[in-house]
N, C-alpha and C. Protein backbone atom coordinates (compact mmCIF):
# COMPACT_ATOMS: atom_id res chain seq x y z
N UNK A 1 150.74 144.94 -36.84
CA UNK A 1 149.33 145.21 -36.61
C UNK A 1 149.13 145.46 -35.12
N UNK A 2 148.11 146.27 -34.86
CA UNK A 2 147.91 146.66 -33.47
C UNK A 2 146.44 146.93 -33.19
N UNK A 3 145.98 146.45 -32.06
CA UNK A 3 144.67 146.79 -31.51
C UNK A 3 144.91 147.10 -30.04
N UNK A 4 144.70 148.36 -29.71
CA UNK A 4 144.96 148.86 -28.35
C UNK A 4 146.36 148.43 -27.89
N UNK A 5 146.47 147.55 -26.92
CA UNK A 5 147.78 147.14 -26.42
C UNK A 5 148.31 145.88 -27.09
N UNK A 6 147.49 145.19 -27.86
CA UNK A 6 147.93 143.97 -28.53
C UNK A 6 148.64 144.34 -29.83
N UNK A 7 149.89 143.91 -29.95
CA UNK A 7 150.71 144.22 -31.13
C UNK A 7 151.20 142.92 -31.73
N UNK A 8 151.09 142.81 -33.05
CA UNK A 8 151.62 141.67 -33.78
C UNK A 8 152.71 142.19 -34.71
N UNK A 9 153.98 141.93 -34.42
CA UNK A 9 155.06 142.43 -35.27
C UNK A 9 155.18 141.59 -36.55
N UNK A 10 155.19 142.27 -37.69
CA UNK A 10 155.33 141.58 -38.98
C UNK A 10 156.53 142.10 -39.77
N UNK A 11 157.37 142.90 -39.15
CA UNK A 11 158.49 143.51 -39.86
C UNK A 11 159.46 142.49 -40.43
N UNK A 12 159.63 141.36 -39.78
CA UNK A 12 160.58 140.36 -40.26
C UNK A 12 159.93 139.32 -41.17
N UNK A 13 158.64 139.52 -41.46
CA UNK A 13 157.91 138.58 -42.32
C UNK A 13 157.26 139.35 -43.46
N UNK A 14 158.03 139.67 -44.51
CA UNK A 14 157.54 140.57 -45.56
C UNK A 14 156.32 140.06 -46.31
N UNK A 15 156.20 138.76 -46.54
CA UNK A 15 155.03 138.24 -47.25
C UNK A 15 153.78 138.41 -46.40
N UNK A 16 153.87 138.08 -45.12
CA UNK A 16 152.72 138.26 -44.23
C UNK A 16 152.37 139.74 -44.08
N UNK A 17 153.39 140.58 -44.02
CA UNK A 17 153.15 142.02 -43.93
C UNK A 17 152.42 142.52 -45.17
N UNK A 18 152.87 142.09 -46.35
CA UNK A 18 152.24 142.51 -47.60
C UNK A 18 150.79 142.04 -47.66
N UNK A 19 150.54 140.81 -47.27
CA UNK A 19 149.16 140.29 -47.27
C UNK A 19 148.29 141.06 -46.29
N UNK A 20 148.79 141.31 -45.08
CA UNK A 20 148.01 142.05 -44.08
C UNK A 20 147.72 143.47 -44.56
N UNK A 21 148.69 144.09 -45.18
CA UNK A 21 148.48 145.44 -45.69
C UNK A 21 147.42 145.46 -46.79
N UNK A 22 147.51 144.54 -47.73
CA UNK A 22 146.54 144.50 -48.83
C UNK A 22 145.13 144.21 -48.31
N UNK A 23 145.02 143.31 -47.35
CA UNK A 23 143.71 143.02 -46.76
C UNK A 23 143.18 144.23 -46.00
N UNK A 24 144.08 144.93 -45.28
CA UNK A 24 143.68 146.13 -44.55
C UNK A 24 143.24 147.25 -45.48
N UNK A 25 143.95 147.42 -46.60
CA UNK A 25 143.58 148.46 -47.56
C UNK A 25 142.26 148.14 -48.26
N UNK A 26 141.95 146.86 -48.41
CA UNK A 26 140.70 146.46 -49.07
C UNK A 26 139.51 146.52 -48.12
N UNK A 27 139.76 146.57 -46.80
CA UNK A 27 138.70 146.55 -45.81
C UNK A 27 137.75 147.72 -46.03
N UNK A 28 136.49 147.59 -45.92
CA UNK A 28 135.68 146.46 -45.44
C UNK A 28 135.37 145.43 -46.51
N UNK A 29 135.86 145.67 -47.71
CA UNK A 29 135.65 144.71 -48.79
C UNK A 29 136.68 143.59 -48.73
N UNK A 30 136.82 142.92 -49.84
CA UNK A 30 137.78 141.82 -49.91
C UNK A 30 138.84 142.12 -50.97
N UNK A 31 139.94 141.43 -50.88
CA UNK A 31 141.02 141.53 -51.86
C UNK A 31 140.99 140.27 -52.71
N UNK A 32 141.13 140.43 -54.01
CA UNK A 32 141.07 139.27 -54.90
C UNK A 32 142.30 138.39 -54.73
N UNK A 33 142.14 137.15 -55.06
CA UNK A 33 143.26 136.21 -54.98
C UNK A 33 144.40 136.65 -55.89
N UNK A 34 144.05 137.11 -57.09
CA UNK A 34 145.07 137.54 -58.05
C UNK A 34 145.86 138.73 -57.52
N UNK A 35 145.16 139.69 -56.91
CA UNK A 35 145.85 140.86 -56.37
C UNK A 35 146.75 140.47 -55.20
N UNK A 36 146.29 139.58 -54.36
CA UNK A 36 147.11 139.12 -53.23
C UNK A 36 148.36 138.40 -53.70
N UNK A 37 148.20 137.54 -54.69
CA UNK A 37 149.36 136.80 -55.22
C UNK A 37 150.34 137.76 -55.86
N UNK A 38 149.84 138.68 -56.69
CA UNK A 38 150.73 139.63 -57.37
C UNK A 38 151.45 140.54 -56.38
N UNK A 39 150.75 141.00 -55.36
CA UNK A 39 151.36 141.91 -54.40
C UNK A 39 152.30 141.24 -53.42
N UNK A 40 151.94 140.06 -52.95
CA UNK A 40 152.76 139.39 -51.95
C UNK A 40 153.98 138.69 -52.55
N UNK A 41 153.80 138.12 -53.74
CA UNK A 41 154.88 137.34 -54.34
C UNK A 41 155.58 138.08 -55.47
N UNK A 42 155.08 139.27 -55.81
CA UNK A 42 155.67 140.12 -56.85
C UNK A 42 155.84 139.38 -58.18
N UNK A 43 154.77 138.82 -58.64
CA UNK A 43 154.78 138.13 -59.93
C UNK A 43 153.63 138.65 -60.78
N UNK A 44 153.72 138.42 -62.06
CA UNK A 44 152.66 138.86 -62.97
C UNK A 44 151.67 137.75 -63.29
N UNK A 45 152.16 136.57 -63.50
CA UNK A 45 151.30 135.45 -63.90
C UNK A 45 151.35 134.37 -62.84
N UNK A 46 150.20 134.09 -62.25
CA UNK A 46 150.13 133.09 -61.18
C UNK A 46 149.83 131.71 -61.77
N UNK A 47 150.35 130.69 -61.13
CA UNK A 47 150.00 129.31 -61.48
C UNK A 47 149.52 128.61 -60.21
N UNK A 48 149.31 127.31 -60.30
CA UNK A 48 148.78 126.57 -59.16
C UNK A 48 149.71 126.59 -57.95
N UNK A 49 151.01 126.66 -58.18
CA UNK A 49 151.93 126.69 -57.04
C UNK A 49 151.79 127.99 -56.25
N UNK A 50 151.53 129.09 -56.95
CA UNK A 50 151.34 130.38 -56.26
C UNK A 50 150.03 130.38 -55.48
N UNK A 51 149.00 129.77 -56.05
CA UNK A 51 147.72 129.69 -55.34
C UNK A 51 147.86 128.85 -54.07
N UNK A 52 148.62 127.77 -54.17
CA UNK A 52 148.85 126.92 -53.00
C UNK A 52 149.68 127.67 -51.95
N UNK A 53 150.69 128.40 -52.42
CA UNK A 53 151.52 129.16 -51.48
C UNK A 53 150.70 130.26 -50.81
N UNK A 54 149.77 130.87 -51.56
CA UNK A 54 148.89 131.89 -50.97
C UNK A 54 148.09 131.28 -49.83
N UNK A 55 147.55 130.09 -50.03
CA UNK A 55 146.78 129.43 -48.97
C UNK A 55 147.64 129.18 -47.74
N UNK A 56 148.88 128.74 -47.94
CA UNK A 56 149.79 128.48 -46.83
C UNK A 56 150.10 129.77 -46.08
N UNK A 57 150.43 130.83 -46.82
CA UNK A 57 150.79 132.10 -46.18
C UNK A 57 149.58 132.73 -45.48
N UNK A 58 148.40 132.61 -46.05
CA UNK A 58 147.21 133.13 -45.39
C UNK A 58 146.90 132.36 -44.11
N UNK A 59 147.17 131.08 -44.10
CA UNK A 59 146.98 130.30 -42.87
C UNK A 59 147.97 130.74 -41.80
N UNK A 60 149.21 131.01 -42.20
CA UNK A 60 150.20 131.55 -41.25
C UNK A 60 149.75 132.90 -40.71
N UNK A 61 149.21 133.74 -41.60
CA UNK A 61 148.73 135.05 -41.18
C UNK A 61 147.53 134.91 -40.25
N UNK A 62 146.67 133.97 -40.52
CA UNK A 62 145.52 133.72 -39.62
C UNK A 62 146.00 133.38 -38.22
N UNK A 63 147.02 132.54 -38.13
CA UNK A 63 147.55 132.13 -36.83
C UNK A 63 148.15 133.33 -36.08
N UNK A 64 148.87 134.18 -36.80
CA UNK A 64 149.51 135.33 -36.18
C UNK A 64 148.47 136.37 -35.75
N UNK A 65 147.45 136.56 -36.57
CA UNK A 65 146.45 137.60 -36.30
C UNK A 65 145.29 137.13 -35.43
N UNK A 66 145.30 135.88 -35.04
CA UNK A 66 144.17 135.30 -34.29
C UNK A 66 143.65 136.20 -33.16
N UNK A 67 144.51 136.84 -32.36
CA UNK A 67 143.95 137.68 -31.29
C UNK A 67 143.31 138.98 -31.79
N UNK A 68 143.64 139.39 -33.02
CA UNK A 68 143.18 140.69 -33.51
C UNK A 68 142.10 140.63 -34.58
N UNK A 69 142.22 139.66 -35.47
CA UNK A 69 141.31 139.63 -36.62
C UNK A 69 141.21 138.23 -37.20
N UNK A 70 140.19 138.06 -38.02
CA UNK A 70 140.02 136.82 -38.78
C UNK A 70 140.21 137.14 -40.25
N UNK A 71 140.57 136.13 -41.01
CA UNK A 71 140.65 136.26 -42.46
C UNK A 71 139.67 135.26 -43.03
N UNK A 72 138.64 135.77 -43.67
CA UNK A 72 137.59 134.92 -44.22
C UNK A 72 137.69 134.84 -45.73
N UNK A 73 137.45 133.65 -46.26
CA UNK A 73 137.41 133.47 -47.70
C UNK A 73 136.10 134.04 -48.24
N UNK A 74 136.19 134.69 -49.38
CA UNK A 74 135.00 135.21 -50.06
C UNK A 74 134.96 134.59 -51.45
N UNK A 75 133.93 134.92 -52.18
CA UNK A 75 133.81 134.40 -53.54
C UNK A 75 134.97 134.85 -54.42
N UNK A 76 135.39 136.08 -54.23
CA UNK A 76 136.42 136.69 -55.06
C UNK A 76 137.83 136.51 -54.50
N UNK A 77 137.95 136.45 -53.17
CA UNK A 77 139.27 136.37 -52.56
C UNK A 77 139.18 136.18 -51.06
N UNK A 78 139.73 137.16 -50.31
CA UNK A 78 139.76 137.07 -48.85
C UNK A 78 139.46 138.44 -48.25
N UNK A 79 138.86 138.42 -47.06
CA UNK A 79 138.51 139.66 -46.36
C UNK A 79 139.02 139.61 -44.93
N UNK A 80 139.46 140.75 -44.45
CA UNK A 80 139.91 140.91 -43.08
C UNK A 80 138.71 141.32 -42.23
N UNK A 81 138.49 140.62 -41.12
CA UNK A 81 137.38 140.92 -40.22
C UNK A 81 137.96 141.14 -38.82
N UNK A 82 138.00 142.41 -38.36
CA UNK A 82 138.56 142.66 -37.03
C UNK A 82 137.69 142.07 -35.94
N UNK A 83 138.32 141.55 -34.89
CA UNK A 83 137.58 140.92 -33.78
C UNK A 83 136.98 141.95 -32.84
N UNK A 84 137.81 142.87 -32.32
CA UNK A 84 137.33 143.83 -31.32
C UNK A 84 137.23 145.24 -31.85
N UNK A 85 137.89 145.56 -32.92
CA UNK A 85 137.91 146.92 -33.45
C UNK A 85 136.70 147.16 -34.35
N UNK A 86 136.29 148.41 -34.42
CA UNK A 86 135.15 148.78 -35.26
C UNK A 86 135.57 149.04 -36.70
N UNK A 87 136.82 149.44 -36.88
CA UNK A 87 137.31 149.70 -38.23
C UNK A 87 138.79 149.39 -38.33
N UNK A 88 139.28 149.41 -39.56
CA UNK A 88 140.68 149.10 -39.84
C UNK A 88 141.32 150.34 -40.46
N UNK A 89 142.49 150.71 -39.99
CA UNK A 89 143.25 151.82 -40.57
C UNK A 89 144.64 151.31 -40.95
N UNK A 90 145.07 151.67 -42.14
CA UNK A 90 146.39 151.29 -42.61
C UNK A 90 147.24 152.56 -42.65
N UNK A 91 148.30 152.59 -41.87
CA UNK A 91 149.20 153.73 -41.83
C UNK A 91 150.41 153.43 -42.70
N UNK A 92 150.64 154.27 -43.69
CA UNK A 92 151.78 154.09 -44.59
C UNK A 92 152.58 155.38 -44.64
N UNK A 93 153.77 155.27 -45.10
CA UNK A 93 154.61 156.45 -45.27
C UNK A 93 154.01 157.33 -46.36
N UNK A 94 154.13 158.66 -46.20
CA UNK A 94 153.56 159.54 -47.22
C UNK A 94 154.19 159.38 -48.59
N UNK A 95 155.47 159.00 -48.63
CA UNK A 95 156.15 158.74 -49.88
C UNK A 95 156.79 157.37 -49.75
N UNK A 96 156.48 156.51 -50.69
CA UNK A 96 157.06 155.17 -50.66
C UNK A 96 157.89 154.96 -51.91
N UNK A 97 158.78 154.03 -51.84
CA UNK A 97 159.59 153.70 -53.00
C UNK A 97 161.07 153.72 -52.66
N UNK A 98 161.86 153.53 -53.70
CA UNK A 98 163.31 153.43 -53.51
C UNK A 98 163.93 154.73 -53.02
N UNK A 99 163.37 155.86 -53.41
CA UNK A 99 163.99 157.14 -53.10
C UNK A 99 163.13 157.98 -52.15
N UNK A 100 162.34 157.33 -51.32
CA UNK A 100 161.42 158.04 -50.43
C UNK A 100 162.16 158.96 -49.46
N UNK A 101 163.24 158.50 -48.86
CA UNK A 101 163.97 159.33 -47.90
C UNK A 101 164.60 160.54 -48.60
N UNK A 102 165.13 160.33 -49.79
CA UNK A 102 165.70 161.44 -50.56
C UNK A 102 164.62 162.47 -50.89
N UNK A 103 163.45 162.02 -51.32
CA UNK A 103 162.35 162.94 -51.61
C UNK A 103 161.86 163.66 -50.36
N UNK A 104 161.93 162.99 -49.21
CA UNK A 104 161.54 163.63 -47.96
C UNK A 104 162.47 164.79 -47.63
N UNK A 105 163.76 164.63 -47.88
CA UNK A 105 164.70 165.72 -47.64
C UNK A 105 164.43 166.89 -48.58
N UNK A 106 164.05 166.59 -49.81
CA UNK A 106 163.82 167.63 -50.80
C UNK A 106 162.43 168.24 -50.74
N UNK A 107 161.57 167.71 -49.90
CA UNK A 107 160.16 168.11 -49.91
C UNK A 107 159.90 169.53 -49.44
N UNK A 108 160.82 170.13 -48.74
CA UNK A 108 160.58 171.50 -48.27
C UNK A 108 160.83 172.54 -49.35
N UNK A 109 161.31 172.09 -50.52
CA UNK A 109 161.51 173.00 -51.64
C UNK A 109 162.84 173.74 -51.63
N UNK A 110 163.63 173.54 -50.59
CA UNK A 110 164.93 174.20 -50.51
C UNK A 110 165.95 173.47 -51.37
N UNK A 111 166.92 174.20 -51.85
CA UNK A 111 167.98 173.61 -52.67
C UNK A 111 168.95 172.83 -51.80
N UNK A 112 169.33 171.67 -52.27
CA UNK A 112 170.31 170.83 -51.58
C UNK A 112 171.40 170.48 -52.59
N UNK A 113 172.62 170.43 -52.14
CA UNK A 113 173.69 169.92 -52.98
C UNK A 113 173.74 168.41 -52.82
N UNK A 114 174.29 167.75 -53.82
CA UNK A 114 174.40 166.29 -53.71
C UNK A 114 175.33 165.89 -52.58
N UNK A 115 176.34 166.72 -52.30
CA UNK A 115 177.25 166.39 -51.19
C UNK A 115 176.53 166.52 -49.85
N UNK A 116 175.68 167.53 -49.70
CA UNK A 116 174.91 167.69 -48.46
C UNK A 116 173.91 166.54 -48.30
N UNK A 117 173.28 166.16 -49.39
CA UNK A 117 172.35 165.02 -49.33
C UNK A 117 173.09 163.73 -48.98
N UNK A 118 174.28 163.57 -49.52
CA UNK A 118 175.08 162.37 -49.22
C UNK A 118 175.40 162.30 -47.73
N UNK A 119 175.76 163.44 -47.16
CA UNK A 119 176.03 163.46 -45.72
C UNK A 119 174.78 163.15 -44.91
N UNK A 120 173.67 163.77 -45.28
CA UNK A 120 172.42 163.59 -44.53
C UNK A 120 171.90 162.16 -44.65
N UNK A 121 172.10 161.53 -45.80
CA UNK A 121 171.58 160.18 -46.02
C UNK A 121 172.59 159.09 -45.67
N UNK A 122 173.80 159.51 -45.29
CA UNK A 122 174.86 158.54 -44.99
C UNK A 122 175.12 157.63 -46.18
N UNK A 123 175.22 158.25 -47.36
CA UNK A 123 175.45 157.52 -48.60
C UNK A 123 176.58 158.20 -49.35
N UNK A 124 177.10 157.54 -50.37
CA UNK A 124 178.15 158.16 -51.17
C UNK A 124 177.54 159.22 -52.08
N UNK A 125 178.37 160.17 -52.45
CA UNK A 125 177.91 161.24 -53.32
C UNK A 125 177.50 160.67 -54.68
N UNK A 126 178.21 159.67 -55.15
CA UNK A 126 177.88 159.05 -56.44
C UNK A 126 176.50 158.37 -56.38
N UNK A 127 176.20 157.70 -55.27
CA UNK A 127 174.89 157.06 -55.10
C UNK A 127 173.78 158.10 -55.13
N UNK A 128 174.00 159.21 -54.45
CA UNK A 128 173.00 160.28 -54.43
C UNK A 128 172.83 160.87 -55.82
N UNK A 129 173.92 161.08 -56.54
CA UNK A 129 173.82 161.62 -57.90
C UNK A 129 173.04 160.68 -58.82
N UNK A 130 173.30 159.38 -58.71
CA UNK A 130 172.54 158.42 -59.53
C UNK A 130 171.06 158.47 -59.19
N UNK A 131 170.74 158.56 -57.89
CA UNK A 131 169.34 158.65 -57.47
C UNK A 131 168.70 159.92 -58.00
N UNK A 132 169.42 161.04 -57.92
CA UNK A 132 168.90 162.31 -58.43
C UNK A 132 168.69 162.25 -59.94
N UNK A 133 169.61 161.59 -60.65
CA UNK A 133 169.44 161.44 -62.10
C UNK A 133 168.19 160.63 -62.42
N UNK A 134 167.97 159.58 -61.67
CA UNK A 134 166.77 158.76 -61.87
C UNK A 134 165.51 159.57 -61.59
N UNK A 135 165.51 160.30 -60.48
CA UNK A 135 164.35 161.12 -60.12
C UNK A 135 164.14 162.24 -61.14
N UNK A 136 165.22 162.79 -61.67
CA UNK A 136 165.09 163.83 -62.69
C UNK A 136 164.48 163.27 -63.97
N UNK A 137 164.87 162.04 -64.34
CA UNK A 137 164.28 161.43 -65.54
C UNK A 137 162.80 161.13 -65.36
N UNK A 138 162.35 160.99 -64.11
CA UNK A 138 160.94 160.76 -63.81
C UNK A 138 160.21 162.07 -63.53
N UNK A 139 160.88 163.22 -63.73
CA UNK A 139 160.33 164.55 -63.48
C UNK A 139 159.90 164.76 -62.03
N UNK A 140 160.59 164.16 -61.09
CA UNK A 140 160.29 164.35 -59.67
C UNK A 140 161.19 165.39 -59.03
N UNK A 141 162.39 165.55 -59.56
CA UNK A 141 163.29 166.61 -59.11
C UNK A 141 163.87 167.29 -60.34
N UNK A 142 164.44 168.46 -60.11
CA UNK A 142 165.01 169.20 -61.22
C UNK A 142 166.24 169.92 -60.72
N UNK A 143 167.28 169.91 -61.52
CA UNK A 143 168.49 170.62 -61.17
C UNK A 143 168.25 172.11 -61.38
N UNK A 144 168.77 172.91 -60.49
CA UNK A 144 168.60 174.36 -60.62
C UNK A 144 169.42 174.87 -61.79
N UNK A 145 170.39 174.13 -62.20
CA UNK A 145 171.20 174.55 -63.35
C UNK A 145 172.66 174.38 -63.06
N UNK A 146 173.43 175.16 -63.75
CA UNK A 146 174.88 175.06 -63.59
C UNK A 146 175.36 175.84 -62.37
N UNK A 147 174.46 176.57 -61.76
CA UNK A 147 174.80 177.34 -60.58
C UNK A 147 175.25 176.41 -59.45
N UNK A 148 176.22 176.83 -58.72
CA UNK A 148 176.71 176.03 -57.60
C UNK A 148 176.02 176.46 -56.32
N UNK A 149 175.78 175.49 -55.46
CA UNK A 149 175.21 175.81 -54.15
C UNK A 149 176.28 176.48 -53.30
N UNK A 150 175.88 177.32 -52.38
CA UNK A 150 176.86 177.95 -51.49
C UNK A 150 177.65 176.89 -50.72
N UNK A 151 178.92 177.12 -50.59
CA UNK A 151 179.83 176.25 -49.83
C UNK A 151 179.85 174.83 -50.39
N UNK A 152 179.62 174.68 -51.69
CA UNK A 152 179.64 173.36 -52.29
C UNK A 152 180.09 173.47 -53.73
N UNK A 153 180.64 172.42 -54.25
CA UNK A 153 181.06 172.42 -55.66
C UNK A 153 180.08 171.64 -56.53
N UNK A 154 178.93 171.33 -56.02
CA UNK A 154 177.97 170.54 -56.78
C UNK A 154 176.72 171.36 -57.07
N UNK A 155 175.99 170.94 -58.08
CA UNK A 155 174.77 171.65 -58.44
C UNK A 155 173.67 171.35 -57.43
N UNK A 156 172.75 172.27 -57.31
CA UNK A 156 171.64 172.11 -56.39
C UNK A 156 170.48 171.42 -57.10
N UNK A 157 169.70 170.72 -56.32
CA UNK A 157 168.50 170.09 -56.84
C UNK A 157 167.33 170.45 -55.94
N UNK A 158 166.17 170.48 -56.52
CA UNK A 158 164.98 170.69 -55.72
C UNK A 158 163.83 169.92 -56.35
N UNK A 159 162.79 169.64 -55.59
CA UNK A 159 161.70 168.84 -56.14
C UNK A 159 160.82 169.66 -57.07
N UNK A 160 160.31 169.02 -58.08
CA UNK A 160 159.36 169.64 -58.98
C UNK A 160 158.04 169.86 -58.26
N UNK A 161 157.56 168.84 -57.60
CA UNK A 161 156.36 168.94 -56.75
C UNK A 161 156.64 168.09 -55.52
N UNK A 162 156.02 168.41 -54.45
CA UNK A 162 156.33 167.75 -53.19
C UNK A 162 155.22 166.79 -52.79
N UNK A 163 155.42 165.47 -52.97
CA UNK A 163 154.40 164.53 -52.53
C UNK A 163 154.25 164.49 -51.02
N UNK A 164 155.30 164.87 -50.29
CA UNK A 164 155.22 164.83 -48.83
C UNK A 164 154.35 165.97 -48.32
N UNK A 165 154.58 167.19 -48.81
CA UNK A 165 153.81 168.31 -48.31
C UNK A 165 152.37 168.27 -48.80
N UNK A 166 152.10 167.57 -49.91
CA UNK A 166 150.72 167.41 -50.35
C UNK A 166 149.92 166.60 -49.35
N UNK A 167 150.59 165.73 -48.59
CA UNK A 167 149.90 164.92 -47.59
C UNK A 167 149.87 165.59 -46.23
N UNK A 168 150.40 166.80 -46.13
CA UNK A 168 150.38 167.61 -44.92
C UNK A 168 151.21 167.02 -43.78
N UNK A 169 152.29 166.34 -44.08
CA UNK A 169 153.21 165.86 -43.06
C UNK A 169 154.39 166.81 -43.00
N UNK A 170 154.85 167.09 -41.84
CA UNK A 170 156.01 167.95 -41.69
C UNK A 170 157.26 167.17 -42.06
N UNK A 171 158.13 167.81 -42.83
CA UNK A 171 159.37 167.17 -43.23
C UNK A 171 160.17 166.73 -42.02
N UNK A 172 160.15 167.52 -40.96
CA UNK A 172 160.90 167.22 -39.77
C UNK A 172 160.52 165.86 -39.19
N UNK A 173 159.27 165.46 -39.34
CA UNK A 173 158.84 164.17 -38.82
C UNK A 173 159.41 163.01 -39.62
N UNK A 174 159.85 163.28 -40.83
CA UNK A 174 160.32 162.21 -41.71
C UNK A 174 161.82 162.06 -41.72
N UNK A 175 162.52 162.97 -41.07
CA UNK A 175 163.97 162.92 -41.08
C UNK A 175 164.48 161.88 -40.09
N UNK A 176 165.57 161.22 -40.41
CA UNK A 176 166.13 160.27 -39.46
C UNK A 176 166.64 160.99 -38.23
N UNK A 177 166.74 160.27 -37.13
CA UNK A 177 167.14 160.85 -35.85
C UNK A 177 168.49 161.55 -35.94
N UNK A 178 169.47 160.93 -36.63
CA UNK A 178 170.79 161.53 -36.70
C UNK A 178 170.77 162.89 -37.37
N UNK A 179 169.90 163.11 -38.34
CA UNK A 179 169.86 164.39 -39.03
C UNK A 179 169.26 165.47 -38.12
N UNK A 180 168.44 165.10 -37.17
CA UNK A 180 167.82 166.08 -36.29
C UNK A 180 168.79 166.60 -35.23
N UNK A 181 169.79 165.82 -34.88
CA UNK A 181 170.68 166.18 -33.79
C UNK A 181 172.01 166.76 -34.25
N UNK A 182 172.20 166.90 -35.54
CA UNK A 182 173.49 167.42 -36.02
C UNK A 182 173.52 168.92 -36.01
């Protein structure tokens, strides 16, 4: 979290990060206790121990965010109240999930071979093929067919629709540093 020059790093605290994100996304309203428990602890059915843990984690988050914001209890749940800022903005990646980086590479609509993707992602070719199979079963990518990509012995894949370009982000901004300098 950040307000001007004040930064609160939450990268090493995933539960606090999840709670802060959910509260930020709910701003200016509140987030329900059930939604906070389900999102932060990744469970479906909450019991009293989860409610108690939510109180403990929210108190930890209050302590960390003290210079930037307050967390107030509401009838339904909790609300984030910024101290000095006029509004709250939550910045997220345009594509999230297990295969976000792979989809970012495919977002320009160009054909990629699984071997080229494996090199770009620093992963094994088998891992990339499994990911492409999963994405194909979800109708997110599609194989061009039995045709081989130039200078490769593997089939090409391309995205069915591009969630990255729909958000108007340049693919180049999403590529890892090593891929930009090769």
